[in-house]
Amino acid sequence: MQVCWMVPDLRAAITAWTGSAGVGPFFWFDGVAFTDGRHRGKAAAFPPVSAAIAYAGDLQIELVCQDDDHPGVFRDMFRGGESGLHHMAVTCADYEAERDAYLATGAELAFEGVAGTSRTCWIDTTPSLGFMVELLEPSQTRDAWFAHMRAAARAWDGSNPIVGLD
């Protein structure tokens, strides 16, 4: 349901997506609040990021820029200034079963935490797939937010490419 790229300049990436692919508007957010975060098995805060999400049809496009060089789920793959495909995300029917199925194949749990009322994790599938897989536990709040963004994309007239940035 989502493809995410790590980018060094969020504004430039949004300009590229809106200009060349006609995707927008992008919903900008600074930071993602997680509780009970664990990176590679150790208690950890989620890295400080600026991110933006838009929809291309039913596919969610996420662009992420980490604001520092501290270790974390994004720096696991890219150093500062680098860019590329970071992960693809799936909303799970059974979060634990799907997470555990990936782990049973030998993939590592890169980060897991609770955002709002639902769990999210990134499974390090880079050795087998070349990118990580993000698993999202469904919630009414998350579903409503995604539906709002999808509706905005369907109605977007090409103006105001960024929502939520003052």
N, C-alpha and C. Protein backbone atom coordinates (compact mmCIF):
# COMPACT_ATOMS: atom_id res chain seq x y z
N MET A 1 0.81 -1.20 0.00
CA MET A 1 0.00 0.00 0.00
C MET A 1 0.85 1.26 0.00
N GLN A 2 2.16 1.12 0.29
CA GLN A 2 3.04 2.29 0.36
C GLN A 2 4.43 1.95 -0.15
N VAL A 3 5.03 2.91 -0.83
CA VAL A 3 6.44 2.84 -1.20
C VAL A 3 7.10 4.08 -0.62
N CYS A 4 8.24 3.90 0.05
CA CYS A 4 8.92 5.01 0.73
C CYS A 4 10.35 5.16 0.24
N TRP A 5 10.70 6.42 -0.05
CA TRP A 5 12.06 6.75 -0.43
C TRP A 5 12.69 7.64 0.62
N MET A 6 13.94 7.36 0.93
CA MET A 6 14.75 8.22 1.77
C MET A 6 15.30 9.29 0.84
N VAL A 7 15.17 10.57 1.24
CA VAL A 7 15.62 11.68 0.40
C VAL A 7 16.45 12.65 1.23
N PRO A 8 17.43 13.32 0.62
CA PRO A 8 18.23 14.29 1.38
C PRO A 8 17.57 15.66 1.50
N ASP A 9 16.62 15.97 0.63
CA ASP A 9 15.97 17.28 0.62
C ASP A 9 14.48 17.05 0.35
N LEU A 10 13.67 17.17 1.38
CA LEU A 10 12.25 16.84 1.27
C LEU A 10 11.53 17.77 0.30
N ARG A 11 11.80 19.06 0.36
CA ARG A 11 11.13 20.01 -0.55
C ARG A 11 11.47 19.70 -2.02
N ALA A 12 12.74 19.41 -2.29
CA ALA A 12 13.15 19.10 -3.66
C ALA A 12 12.48 17.81 -4.14
N ALA A 13 12.37 16.83 -3.26
CA ALA A 13 11.73 15.56 -3.64
C ALA A 13 10.24 15.78 -3.94
N ILE A 14 9.58 16.58 -3.12
CA ILE A 14 8.17 16.88 -3.37
C ILE A 14 8.00 17.60 -4.71
N THR A 15 8.87 18.57 -4.98
CA THR A 15 8.82 19.30 -6.24
C THR A 15 8.99 18.33 -7.42
N ALA A 16 9.90 17.37 -7.29
CA ALA A 16 10.12 16.39 -8.36
C ALA A 16 8.87 15.53 -8.57
N TRP A 17 8.28 15.05 -7.49
CA TRP A 17 7.10 14.18 -7.60
C TRP A 17 5.90 14.94 -8.16
N THR A 18 5.67 16.15 -7.67
CA THR A 18 4.51 16.90 -8.17
C THR A 18 4.72 17.33 -9.61
N GLY A 19 5.95 17.72 -9.96
CA GLY A 19 6.23 18.21 -11.29
C GLY A 19 6.32 17.13 -12.35
N SER A 20 6.99 16.04 -12.03
CA SER A 20 7.20 15.01 -13.06
C SER A 20 6.14 13.92 -13.06
N ALA A 21 5.58 13.59 -11.90
CA ALA A 21 4.61 12.50 -11.82
C ALA A 21 3.19 12.98 -11.56
N GLY A 22 3.03 14.29 -11.25
CA GLY A 22 1.70 14.82 -10.98
C GLY A 22 1.08 14.30 -9.70
N VAL A 23 1.92 13.84 -8.78
CA VAL A 23 1.43 13.29 -7.51
C VAL A 23 1.35 14.40 -6.48
N GLY A 24 0.24 14.45 -5.75
CA GLY A 24 0.08 15.43 -4.69
C GLY A 24 -1.37 15.49 -4.26
N PRO A 25 -1.67 16.28 -3.27
CA PRO A 25 -0.74 17.06 -2.47
C PRO A 25 -0.02 16.16 -1.46
N PHE A 26 1.14 16.61 -1.04
CA PHE A 26 1.90 15.90 -0.02
C PHE A 26 1.57 16.46 1.35
N PHE A 27 1.28 15.59 2.28
CA PHE A 27 1.01 15.96 3.67
C PHE A 27 2.34 15.89 4.42
N TRP A 28 2.82 17.04 4.86
CA TRP A 28 4.13 17.17 5.52
C TRP A 28 3.95 16.99 7.01
N PHE A 29 4.86 16.25 7.62
CA PHE A 29 4.87 16.17 9.08
C PHE A 29 6.30 16.07 9.58
N ASP A 30 6.54 16.76 10.68
CA ASP A 30 7.85 16.74 11.33
C ASP A 30 7.78 15.83 12.55
N GLY A 31 8.56 14.79 12.52
CA GLY A 31 8.60 13.85 13.63
C GLY A 31 7.44 12.88 13.61
N VAL A 32 7.69 11.72 14.14
CA VAL A 32 6.67 10.69 14.31
C VAL A 32 6.78 10.21 15.74
N ALA A 33 5.68 10.33 16.48
CA ALA A 33 5.69 9.96 17.90
C ALA A 33 5.48 8.46 18.05
N PHE A 34 6.45 7.80 18.63
CA PHE A 34 6.36 6.38 18.95
C PHE A 34 6.59 6.19 20.44
N THR A 35 5.87 5.24 21.01
CA THR A 35 6.16 4.80 22.37
C THR A 35 6.68 3.36 22.27
N ASP A 36 7.35 2.93 23.30
CA ASP A 36 7.87 1.56 23.37
C ASP A 36 8.74 1.21 22.17
N GLY A 37 9.52 2.17 21.66
CA GLY A 37 10.35 1.93 20.49
C GLY A 37 11.55 1.05 20.81
N ARG A 38 11.87 0.18 19.85
CA ARG A 38 13.04 -0.68 19.95
C ARG A 38 13.71 -0.73 18.60
N HIS A 39 15.01 -0.42 18.59
CA HIS A 39 15.81 -0.51 17.37
C HIS A 39 16.81 -1.63 17.56
N ARG A 40 16.68 -2.65 16.69
CA ARG A 40 17.59 -3.79 16.73
C ARG A 40 17.66 -4.41 18.12
N GLY A 41 16.48 -4.50 18.77
CA GLY A 41 16.38 -5.18 20.06
C GLY A 41 16.66 -4.32 21.28
N LYS A 42 17.02 -3.05 21.10
CA LYS A 42 17.33 -2.18 22.23
C LYS A 42 16.34 -1.02 22.26
N ALA A 43 15.96 -0.61 23.46
CA ALA A 43 15.05 0.53 23.61
C ALA A 43 15.64 1.74 22.87
N ALA A 44 14.81 2.40 22.07
CA ALA A 44 15.28 3.53 21.28
C ALA A 44 14.12 4.40 20.86
N ALA A 45 14.41 5.67 20.76
CA ALA A 45 13.43 6.61 20.20
C ALA A 45 13.45 6.47 18.68
N PHE A 46 12.34 6.83 18.05
CA PHE A 46 12.30 6.87 16.59
C PHE A 46 13.15 8.04 16.14
N PRO A 47 13.89 7.89 15.04
CA PRO A 47 14.77 8.99 14.61
C PRO A 47 13.99 10.26 14.28
N PRO A 48 14.62 11.42 14.47
CA PRO A 48 13.98 12.67 14.08
C PRO A 48 13.93 12.78 12.56
N VAL A 49 12.72 12.87 12.03
CA VAL A 49 12.54 12.92 10.58
C VAL A 49 11.55 14.02 10.21
N SER A 50 11.67 14.44 8.97
CA SER A 50 10.62 15.20 8.30
C SER A 50 10.16 14.26 7.20
N ALA A 51 8.86 14.17 7.01
CA ALA A 51 8.33 13.24 6.02
C ALA A 51 7.11 13.85 5.35
N ALA A 52 6.77 13.29 4.20
CA ALA A 52 5.59 13.74 3.48
C ALA A 52 4.96 12.53 2.79
N ILE A 53 3.63 12.52 2.79
CA ILE A 53 2.88 11.42 2.19
C ILE A 53 1.86 11.99 1.21
N ALA A 54 1.77 11.33 0.06
CA ALA A 54 0.74 11.64 -0.95
C ALA A 54 0.26 10.32 -1.53
N TYR A 55 -0.77 10.40 -2.33
CA TYR A 55 -1.30 9.21 -3.00
C TYR A 55 -1.19 9.35 -4.50
N ALA A 56 -0.79 8.26 -5.14
CA ALA A 56 -0.84 8.10 -6.59
C ALA A 56 -1.85 6.98 -6.81
N GLY A 57 -3.10 7.36 -7.07
CA GLY A 57 -4.18 6.36 -7.09
C GLY A 57 -4.35 5.81 -5.68
N ASP A 58 -4.28 4.50 -5.53
CA ASP A 58 -4.38 3.89 -4.20
C ASP A 58 -3.03 3.60 -3.57
N LEU A 59 -1.95 3.95 -4.25
CA LEU A 59 -0.61 3.72 -3.73
C LEU A 59 -0.13 4.95 -2.97
N GLN A 60 0.28 4.73 -1.74
CA GLN A 60 0.79 5.82 -0.92
C GLN A 60 2.28 6.00 -1.22
N ILE A 61 2.65 7.25 -1.48
CA ILE A 61 4.05 7.62 -1.71
C ILE A 61 4.53 8.34 -0.46
N GLU A 62 5.60 7.84 0.15
CA GLU A 62 6.17 8.48 1.33
C GLU A 62 7.60 8.89 1.02
N LEU A 63 7.94 10.11 1.42
CA LEU A 63 9.29 10.64 1.29
C LEU A 63 9.77 10.98 2.69
N VAL A 64 10.96 10.51 3.06
CA VAL A 64 11.48 10.72 4.41
C VAL A 64 12.87 11.32 4.35
N CYS A 65 13.10 12.31 5.20
CA CYS A 65 14.41 12.93 5.36
C CYS A 65 14.76 12.88 6.85
N GLN A 66 15.80 12.12 7.21
CA GLN A 66 16.21 12.09 8.61
C GLN A 66 17.00 13.35 8.92
N ASP A 67 16.67 13.97 10.03
CA ASP A 67 17.22 15.28 10.37
C ASP A 67 18.59 15.25 11.03
N ASP A 68 19.13 14.06 11.29
CA ASP A 68 20.46 13.95 11.88
C ASP A 68 21.12 12.67 11.40
N ASP A 69 22.30 12.38 11.91
CA ASP A 69 23.02 11.17 11.48
C ASP A 69 23.06 10.10 12.56
N HIS A 70 22.21 10.21 13.57
CA HIS A 70 22.20 9.19 14.62
C HIS A 70 21.69 7.87 14.05
N PRO A 71 22.14 6.76 14.63
CA PRO A 71 21.69 5.44 14.16
C PRO A 71 20.17 5.30 14.29
N GLY A 72 19.61 4.52 13.41
CA GLY A 72 18.18 4.26 13.43
C GLY A 72 17.77 3.51 12.18
N VAL A 73 16.48 3.27 12.07
CA VAL A 73 15.96 2.44 10.99
C VAL A 73 16.26 3.02 9.60
N PHE A 74 16.37 4.33 9.47
CA PHE A 74 16.69 4.92 8.17
C PHE A 74 18.19 4.93 7.91
N ARG A 75 18.98 5.25 8.94
CA ARG A 75 20.44 5.24 8.78
C ARG A 75 20.98 3.81 8.67
N ASP A 76 20.16 2.81 8.98
CA ASP A 76 20.57 1.43 8.74
C ASP A 76 20.86 1.19 7.27
N MET A 77 20.20 1.96 6.40
CA MET A 77 20.35 1.77 4.95
C MET A 77 21.07 2.92 4.25
N PHE A 78 20.87 4.15 4.73
CA PHE A 78 21.40 5.31 4.01
C PHE A 78 22.11 6.27 4.95
N ARG A 79 23.29 6.73 4.53
CA ARG A 79 24.00 7.79 5.27
C ARG A 79 23.39 9.13 4.88
N GLY A 80 23.74 10.17 5.65
CA GLY A 80 23.26 11.50 5.33
C GLY A 80 23.59 11.88 3.89
N GLY A 81 22.64 12.49 3.19
CA GLY A 81 22.84 12.90 1.82
C GLY A 81 22.54 11.83 0.79
N GLU A 82 22.39 10.58 1.21
CA GLU A 82 22.08 9.50 0.27
C GLU A 82 20.57 9.37 0.11
N SER A 83 20.16 8.76 -0.98
CA SER A 83 18.74 8.56 -1.20
C SER A 83 18.50 7.23 -1.88
N GLY A 84 17.26 6.77 -1.79
CA GLY A 84 16.89 5.54 -2.46
C GLY A 84 15.65 4.92 -1.83
N LEU A 85 15.24 3.81 -2.41
CA LEU A 85 14.08 3.07 -1.91
C LEU A 85 14.40 2.54 -0.52
N HIS A 86 13.61 2.91 0.47
CA HIS A 86 13.84 2.44 1.84
C HIS A 86 12.94 1.27 2.18
N HIS A 87 11.62 1.42 1.96
CA HIS A 87 10.72 0.32 2.32
C HIS A 87 9.44 0.34 1.51
N MET A 88 8.77 -0.78 1.57
CA MET A 88 7.41 -0.91 1.09
C MET A 88 6.59 -1.30 2.32
N ALA A 89 5.38 -0.75 2.43
CA ALA A 89 4.56 -1.00 3.61
C ALA A 89 3.31 -1.79 3.27
N VAL A 90 2.87 -2.55 4.27
CA VAL A 90 1.68 -3.38 4.17
C VAL A 90 0.85 -3.18 5.43
N THR A 91 -0.46 -2.99 5.27
CA THR A 91 -1.35 -3.01 6.42
C THR A 91 -1.72 -4.46 6.66
N CYS A 92 -1.51 -4.91 7.87
CA CYS A 92 -1.65 -6.34 8.19
C CYS A 92 -3.06 -6.72 8.61
N ALA A 93 -3.46 -7.89 8.24
CA ALA A 93 -4.70 -8.48 8.76
C ALA A 93 -4.42 -9.02 10.17
N ASP A 94 -3.25 -9.62 10.37
CA ASP A 94 -2.83 -10.16 11.66
C ASP A 94 -1.38 -9.73 11.88
N TYR A 95 -1.20 -8.60 12.56
CA TYR A 95 0.12 -7.99 12.71
C TYR A 95 1.16 -8.96 13.25
N GLU A 96 0.87 -9.60 14.36
CA GLU A 96 1.86 -10.50 14.98
C GLU A 96 2.22 -11.66 14.08
N ALA A 97 1.23 -12.28 13.46
CA ALA A 97 1.49 -13.44 12.60
C ALA A 97 2.33 -13.03 11.39
N GLU A 98 2.03 -11.88 10.80
CA GLU A 98 2.79 -11.44 9.63
C GLU A 98 4.22 -11.03 10.01
N ARG A 99 4.36 -10.33 11.13
CA ARG A 99 5.70 -9.97 11.61
C ARG A 99 6.52 -11.23 11.88
N ASP A 100 5.92 -12.17 12.61
CA ASP A 100 6.63 -13.39 12.99
C ASP A 100 6.98 -14.25 11.78
N ALA A 101 6.15 -14.21 10.73
CA ALA A 101 6.45 -14.97 9.51
C ALA A 101 7.72 -14.42 8.85
N TYR A 102 7.88 -13.11 8.81
CA TYR A 102 9.11 -12.54 8.26
C TYR A 102 10.30 -12.93 9.12
N LEU A 103 10.15 -12.84 10.44
CA LEU A 103 11.26 -13.16 11.34
C LEU A 103 11.65 -14.63 11.23
N ALA A 104 10.69 -15.49 10.97
CA ALA A 104 10.97 -16.93 10.84
C ALA A 104 11.84 -17.23 9.62
N THR A 105 11.86 -16.31 8.64
CA THR A 105 12.70 -16.50 7.46
C THR A 105 14.14 -16.06 7.71
N GLY A 106 14.41 -15.49 8.90
CA GLY A 106 15.74 -15.01 9.23
C GLY A 106 15.90 -13.51 9.11
N ALA A 107 14.84 -12.81 8.67
CA ALA A 107 14.90 -11.35 8.61
C ALA A 107 14.95 -10.79 10.02
N GLU A 108 15.57 -9.62 10.17
CA GLU A 108 15.69 -8.98 11.49
C GLU A 108 14.63 -7.92 11.69
N LEU A 109 14.21 -7.77 12.94
CA LEU A 109 13.31 -6.70 13.32
C LEU A 109 14.17 -5.45 13.51
N ALA A 110 14.07 -4.49 12.58
CA ALA A 110 14.92 -3.30 12.63
C ALA A 110 14.38 -2.28 13.63
N PHE A 111 13.07 -2.04 13.61
CA PHE A 111 12.45 -1.10 14.57
C PHE A 111 11.02 -1.53 14.77
N GLU A 112 10.57 -1.39 16.03
CA GLU A 112 9.16 -1.63 16.33
C GLU A 112 8.74 -0.67 17.44
N GLY A 113 7.52 -0.16 17.32
CA GLY A 113 6.99 0.72 18.34
C GLY A 113 5.50 0.92 18.13
N VAL A 114 4.93 1.74 19.00
CA VAL A 114 3.50 2.03 18.94
C VAL A 114 3.32 3.49 18.55
N ALA A 115 2.60 3.71 17.45
CA ALA A 115 2.28 5.06 16.99
C ALA A 115 0.79 5.24 17.20
N GLY A 116 0.41 6.16 18.07
CA GLY A 116 -1.00 6.31 18.42
C GLY A 116 -1.46 5.09 19.19
N THR A 117 -2.36 4.34 18.59
CA THR A 117 -2.88 3.14 19.26
C THR A 117 -2.50 1.86 18.53
N SER A 118 -1.64 1.96 17.53
CA SER A 118 -1.32 0.75 16.78
C SER A 118 0.18 0.56 16.59
N ARG A 119 0.55 -0.70 16.45
CA ARG A 119 1.96 -1.05 16.30
C ARG A 119 2.41 -0.89 14.84
N THR A 120 3.69 -0.58 14.72
CA THR A 120 4.35 -0.47 13.42
C THR A 120 5.74 -1.05 13.58
N CYS A 121 6.19 -1.76 12.56
CA CYS A 121 7.57 -2.23 12.59
C CYS A 121 8.17 -2.21 11.19
N TRP A 122 9.49 -2.18 11.16
CA TRP A 122 10.24 -2.30 9.93
C TRP A 122 11.05 -3.58 10.04
N ILE A 123 10.86 -4.46 9.07
CA ILE A 123 11.59 -5.71 9.00
C ILE A 123 12.74 -5.51 8.01
N ASP A 124 13.95 -5.87 8.42
CA ASP A 124 15.10 -5.70 7.54
C ASP A 124 15.16 -6.87 6.55
N THR A 125 14.59 -6.64 5.39
CA THR A 125 14.60 -7.62 4.31
C THR A 125 15.59 -7.21 3.22
N THR A 126 16.53 -6.32 3.57
CA THR A 126 17.47 -5.86 2.55
C THR A 126 18.32 -6.99 1.98
N PRO A 127 18.74 -7.99 2.76
CA PRO A 127 19.53 -9.06 2.14
C PRO A 127 18.76 -9.85 1.07
N SER A 128 17.45 -9.99 1.25
CA SER A 128 16.67 -10.79 0.29
C SER A 128 15.92 -9.94 -0.74
N LEU A 129 15.42 -8.77 -0.33
CA LEU A 129 14.58 -7.96 -1.22
C LEU A 129 15.24 -6.66 -1.69
N GLY A 130 16.26 -6.21 -0.96
CA GLY A 130 16.93 -4.96 -1.32
C GLY A 130 16.32 -3.73 -0.67
N PHE A 131 15.30 -3.91 0.16
CA PHE A 131 14.64 -2.82 0.89
C PHE A 131 14.00 -3.42 2.13
N MET A 132 13.55 -2.56 3.03
CA MET A 132 12.85 -3.02 4.22
C MET A 132 11.36 -3.17 3.92
N VAL A 133 10.68 -3.88 4.80
CA VAL A 133 9.22 -4.01 4.75
C VAL A 133 8.68 -3.40 6.04
N GLU A 134 7.74 -2.48 5.91
CA GLU A 134 7.07 -1.88 7.07
C GLU A 134 5.72 -2.56 7.22
N LEU A 135 5.42 -2.99 8.43
CA LEU A 135 4.14 -3.60 8.73
C LEU A 135 3.34 -2.65 9.62
N LEU A 136 2.10 -2.39 9.23
CA LEU A 136 1.23 -1.48 9.96
C LEU A 136 0.06 -2.25 10.54
N GLU A 137 -0.14 -2.11 11.83
CA GLU A 137 -1.33 -2.67 12.46
C GLU A 137 -2.49 -1.73 12.17
N PRO A 138 -3.60 -2.26 11.68
CA PRO A 138 -4.71 -1.36 11.35
C PRO A 138 -5.32 -0.71 12.59
N SER A 139 -5.84 0.49 12.38
CA SER A 139 -6.60 1.18 13.42
C SER A 139 -7.57 2.13 12.73
N GLN A 140 -8.64 2.45 13.41
CA GLN A 140 -9.62 3.38 12.83
C GLN A 140 -9.00 4.74 12.57
N THR A 141 -8.15 5.20 13.49
CA THR A 141 -7.50 6.50 13.33
C THR A 141 -6.59 6.50 12.11
N ARG A 142 -5.77 5.48 11.98
CA ARG A 142 -4.84 5.38 10.85
C ARG A 142 -5.62 5.27 9.54
N ASP A 143 -6.64 4.42 9.52
CA ASP A 143 -7.46 4.25 8.31
C ASP A 143 -8.13 5.56 7.90
N ALA A 144 -8.64 6.31 8.87
CA ALA A 144 -9.32 7.58 8.57
C ALA A 144 -8.32 8.60 8.02
N TRP A 145 -7.12 8.65 8.58
CA TRP A 145 -6.11 9.59 8.11
C TRP A 145 -5.69 9.26 6.68
N PHE A 146 -5.48 7.98 6.40
CA PHE A 146 -5.11 7.58 5.04
C PHE A 146 -6.25 7.87 4.06
N ALA A 147 -7.49 7.63 4.46
CA ALA A 147 -8.64 7.92 3.59
C ALA A 147 -8.73 9.42 3.29
N HIS A 148 -8.43 10.25 4.29
CA HIS A 148 -8.43 11.70 4.10
C HIS A 148 -7.37 12.10 3.06
N MET A 149 -6.17 11.54 3.16
CA MET A 149 -5.11 11.86 2.20
C MET A 149 -5.46 11.37 0.80
N ARG A 150 -6.04 10.19 0.71
CA ARG A 150 -6.43 9.63 -0.60
C ARG A 150 -7.49 10.52 -1.25
N ALA A 151 -8.47 10.98 -0.47
CA ALA A 151 -9.51 11.87 -1.00
C ALA A 151 -8.91 13.20 -1.45
N ALA A 152 -7.95 13.71 -0.71
CA ALA A 152 -7.30 14.97 -1.11
C ALA A 152 -6.57 14.80 -2.44
N ALA A 153 -5.96 13.65 -2.64
CA ALA A 153 -5.25 13.40 -3.90
C ALA A 153 -6.23 13.34 -5.07
N ARG A 154 -7.37 12.72 -4.85
CA ARG A 154 -8.37 12.61 -5.93
C ARG A 154 -8.92 13.98 -6.32
N ALA A 155 -9.00 14.90 -5.37
CA ALA A 155 -9.57 16.23 -5.62
C ALA A 155 -8.51 17.27 -5.96
N TRP A 156 -7.24 16.90 -5.90
CA TRP A 156 -6.15 17.87 -6.05
C TRP A 156 -6.13 18.47 -7.45
N ASP A 157 -6.02 19.81 -7.50
CA ASP A 157 -6.00 20.52 -8.78
C ASP A 157 -4.59 20.96 -9.19
N GLY A 158 -3.59 20.50 -8.48
CA GLY A 158 -2.21 20.85 -8.82
C GLY A 158 -1.66 22.05 -8.07
N SER A 159 -2.53 22.77 -7.37
CA SER A 159 -2.05 23.92 -6.59
C SER A 159 -1.75 23.45 -5.17
N ASN A 160 -1.05 24.28 -4.45
CA ASN A 160 -0.73 23.99 -3.05
C ASN A 160 -0.24 22.56 -2.87
N PRO A 161 0.98 22.26 -3.33
CA PRO A 161 1.48 20.88 -3.31
C PRO A 161 1.84 20.34 -1.93
N ILE A 162 1.92 21.23 -0.91
CA ILE A 162 2.28 20.77 0.43
C ILE A 162 1.19 21.19 1.40
N VAL A 163 0.70 20.22 2.16
CA VAL A 163 -0.30 20.46 3.21
C VAL A 163 0.38 20.26 4.56
N GLY A 164 0.14 21.18 5.48
CA GLY A 164 0.64 21.00 6.84
C GLY A 164 1.96 21.67 7.14
N LEU A 165 2.49 22.41 6.21
CA LEU A 165 3.75 23.13 6.45
C LEU A 165 3.42 24.61 6.46
N ASP A 166 3.70 25.26 7.58
CA ASP A 166 3.42 26.69 7.69
C ASP A 166 4.58 27.51 7.19
